Amino acid sequence: MLTKPVVLLRMEGLALLVASVVLYRHSHANWALFAALFLGPDLFMHGYLVNTRVGAALYNLVHTLFTVGVAMAVIYFAGQPRWLPYLLIWTAHIGFDRVLGYGLKYPTLFKDTHLQRV
């Protein structure tokens, strides 16, 4: 198992999903909000309507932890903890995608990801 990166990446995704849900529960945020926004990052796949390069760039922008990390730093230094539940929903979505095998996209086809060809 330790020599199969795709398995390790899916396990990381599961850990991220579980940690995000546990922290979301701990934040006492509204579960209806979680349900309503959980698939929100997938709206960025509409960039594929322009072309595969724009689609991959927009999709990857909202499906990488770097972007979430920058957003977390901004809300921390701005003293705006009320935005934390939104970021936890976002990280839960990223973790869920990784568990399912959806990875960051290459600018070739939507199905070409860093985890596998979907």
Protein backbone atom coordinates (compact mmCIF):
# COMPACT_ATOMS: atom_id res chain seq x y z
CA MET A 1 0.00 0.00 0.00
CA LEU A 2 2.79 2.44 0.82
CA THR A 3 4.11 2.03 -2.70
CA LYS A 4 0.78 2.97 -4.32
CA PRO A 5 0.59 6.78 -4.40
CA VAL A 6 -3.02 6.80 -5.61
CA VAL A 7 -4.07 4.84 -2.50
CA LEU A 8 -2.12 7.19 -0.24
CA LEU A 9 -3.64 10.25 -1.91
CA ARG A 10 -7.14 8.82 -1.45
CA MET A 11 -6.36 8.11 2.22
CA GLU A 12 -5.17 11.71 2.60
CA GLY A 13 -8.45 12.82 1.05
CA LEU A 14 -10.40 10.72 3.53
CA ALA A 15 -8.42 12.18 6.43
CA LEU A 16 -9.08 15.70 5.14
CA LEU A 17 -12.80 14.98 4.72
CA VAL A 18 -13.16 13.50 8.20
CA ALA A 19 -11.14 16.26 9.88
CA SER A 20 -13.15 18.95 8.08
CA VAL A 21 -16.48 17.42 9.10
CA VAL A 22 -15.35 16.98 12.72
CA LEU A 23 -14.14 20.59 12.91
CA TYR A 24 -17.33 21.79 11.23
CA ARG A 25 -19.38 19.94 13.86
CA HIS A 26 -17.20 21.46 16.57
CA SER A 27 -17.86 24.94 15.15
CA HIS A 28 -21.62 24.45 15.69
CA ALA A 29 -22.31 25.76 12.20
CA ASN A 30 -25.53 25.04 10.34
CA TRP A 31 -25.66 21.63 8.61
CA ALA A 32 -28.12 22.98 6.05
CA LEU A 33 -25.38 25.42 5.01
CA PHE A 34 -22.96 22.50 4.70
CA ALA A 35 -25.38 20.57 2.50
CA ALA A 36 -26.17 23.60 0.35
CA LEU A 37 -22.54 24.55 -0.30
CA PHE A 38 -20.78 21.18 -0.33
CA LEU A 39 -20.83 20.84 -4.13
CA GLY A 40 -20.30 24.57 -4.74
CA PRO A 41 -16.64 24.29 -5.79
CA ASP A 42 -17.71 22.09 -8.70
CA LEU A 43 -19.43 25.09 -10.26
CA PHE A 44 -15.98 26.19 -11.37
CA MET A 45 -15.89 23.36 -13.88
CA HIS A 46 -18.06 25.62 -16.04
CA GLY A 47 -14.76 27.11 -17.17
CA TYR A 48 -14.61 24.13 -19.52
CA LEU A 49 -17.34 25.85 -21.51
CA VAL A 50 -14.66 28.36 -22.56
CA ASN A 51 -11.92 25.80 -23.28
CA THR A 52 -9.94 23.06 -21.50
CA ARG A 53 -7.13 25.39 -20.42
CA VAL A 54 -9.48 27.87 -18.70
CA GLY A 55 -11.55 25.01 -17.31
CA ALA A 56 -8.55 23.25 -15.79
CA ALA A 57 -7.19 26.51 -14.35
CA LEU A 58 -10.48 27.49 -12.67
CA TYR A 59 -11.16 23.96 -11.46
CA ASN A 60 -7.66 23.65 -9.99
CA LEU A 61 -7.90 27.08 -8.38
CA VAL A 62 -10.72 25.93 -6.13
CA HIS A 63 -9.64 22.30 -5.75
CA THR A 64 -6.19 22.84 -4.28
CA LEU A 65 -5.44 23.29 -0.61
CA PHE A 66 -3.09 26.16 -1.38
CA THR A 67 -6.04 28.42 -2.21
CA VAL A 68 -7.86 27.37 0.96
CA GLY A 69 -4.69 27.97 2.97
CA VAL A 70 -4.37 31.50 1.61
CA ALA A 71 -8.05 32.13 2.43
CA MET A 72 -7.52 30.77 5.95
CA ALA A 73 -4.56 33.09 6.49
CA VAL A 74 -6.61 36.05 5.27
CA ILE A 75 -9.54 35.35 7.61
CA TYR A 76 -7.16 34.73 10.50
CA PHE A 77 -5.25 37.97 10.08
CA ALA A 78 -8.44 39.89 9.31
CA GLY A 79 -9.96 38.58 12.54
CA GLN A 80 -13.00 37.14 10.76
CA PRO A 81 -13.52 33.64 12.24
CA ARG A 82 -17.16 33.63 11.10
CA TRP A 83 -15.86 32.58 7.65
CA LEU A 84 -14.23 29.39 9.00
CA PRO A 85 -17.29 27.15 8.41
CA TYR A 86 -17.20 28.05 4.72
CA LEU A 87 -13.55 27.05 4.51
CA LEU A 88 -14.28 23.78 6.30
CA ILE A 89 -17.00 22.99 3.76
CA TRP A 90 -14.49 23.79 1.04
CA THR A 91 -11.83 21.47 2.48
CA ALA A 92 -14.42 18.73 3.02
CA HIS A 93 -15.31 18.98 -0.66
CA ILE A 94 -11.66 18.71 -1.71
CA GLY A 95 -11.19 15.66 0.54
CA PHE A 96 -14.34 14.04 -0.85
CA ASP A 97 -13.15 14.58 -4.42
CA ARG A 98 -9.80 12.97 -3.61
CA VAL A 99 -11.50 9.95 -2.03
CA LEU A 100 -13.50 9.48 -5.23
CA GLY A 101 -10.33 9.76 -7.31
CA TYR A 102 -10.97 13.19 -8.74
CA GLY A 103 -7.73 15.08 -8.83
CA LEU A 104 -6.38 18.31 -10.19
CA LYS A 105 -6.95 18.66 -13.92
CA TYR A 106 -4.50 18.80 -16.77
CA PRO A 107 -5.34 21.20 -19.61
CA THR A 108 -5.97 18.33 -22.01
CA LEU A 109 -9.25 16.60 -21.18
CA PHE A 110 -11.54 16.92 -18.15
CA LYS A 111 -10.87 13.26 -17.39
CA ASP A 112 -7.08 13.72 -17.12
CA THR A 113 -6.21 14.25 -13.45
CA HIS A 114 -3.15 13.95 -11.26
CA LEU A 115 -4.66 10.88 -9.58
CA GLN A 116 -5.91 8.92 -12.57
CA ARG A 117 -7.81 9.12 -15.78
CA VAL A 118 -11.44 9.31 -14.65
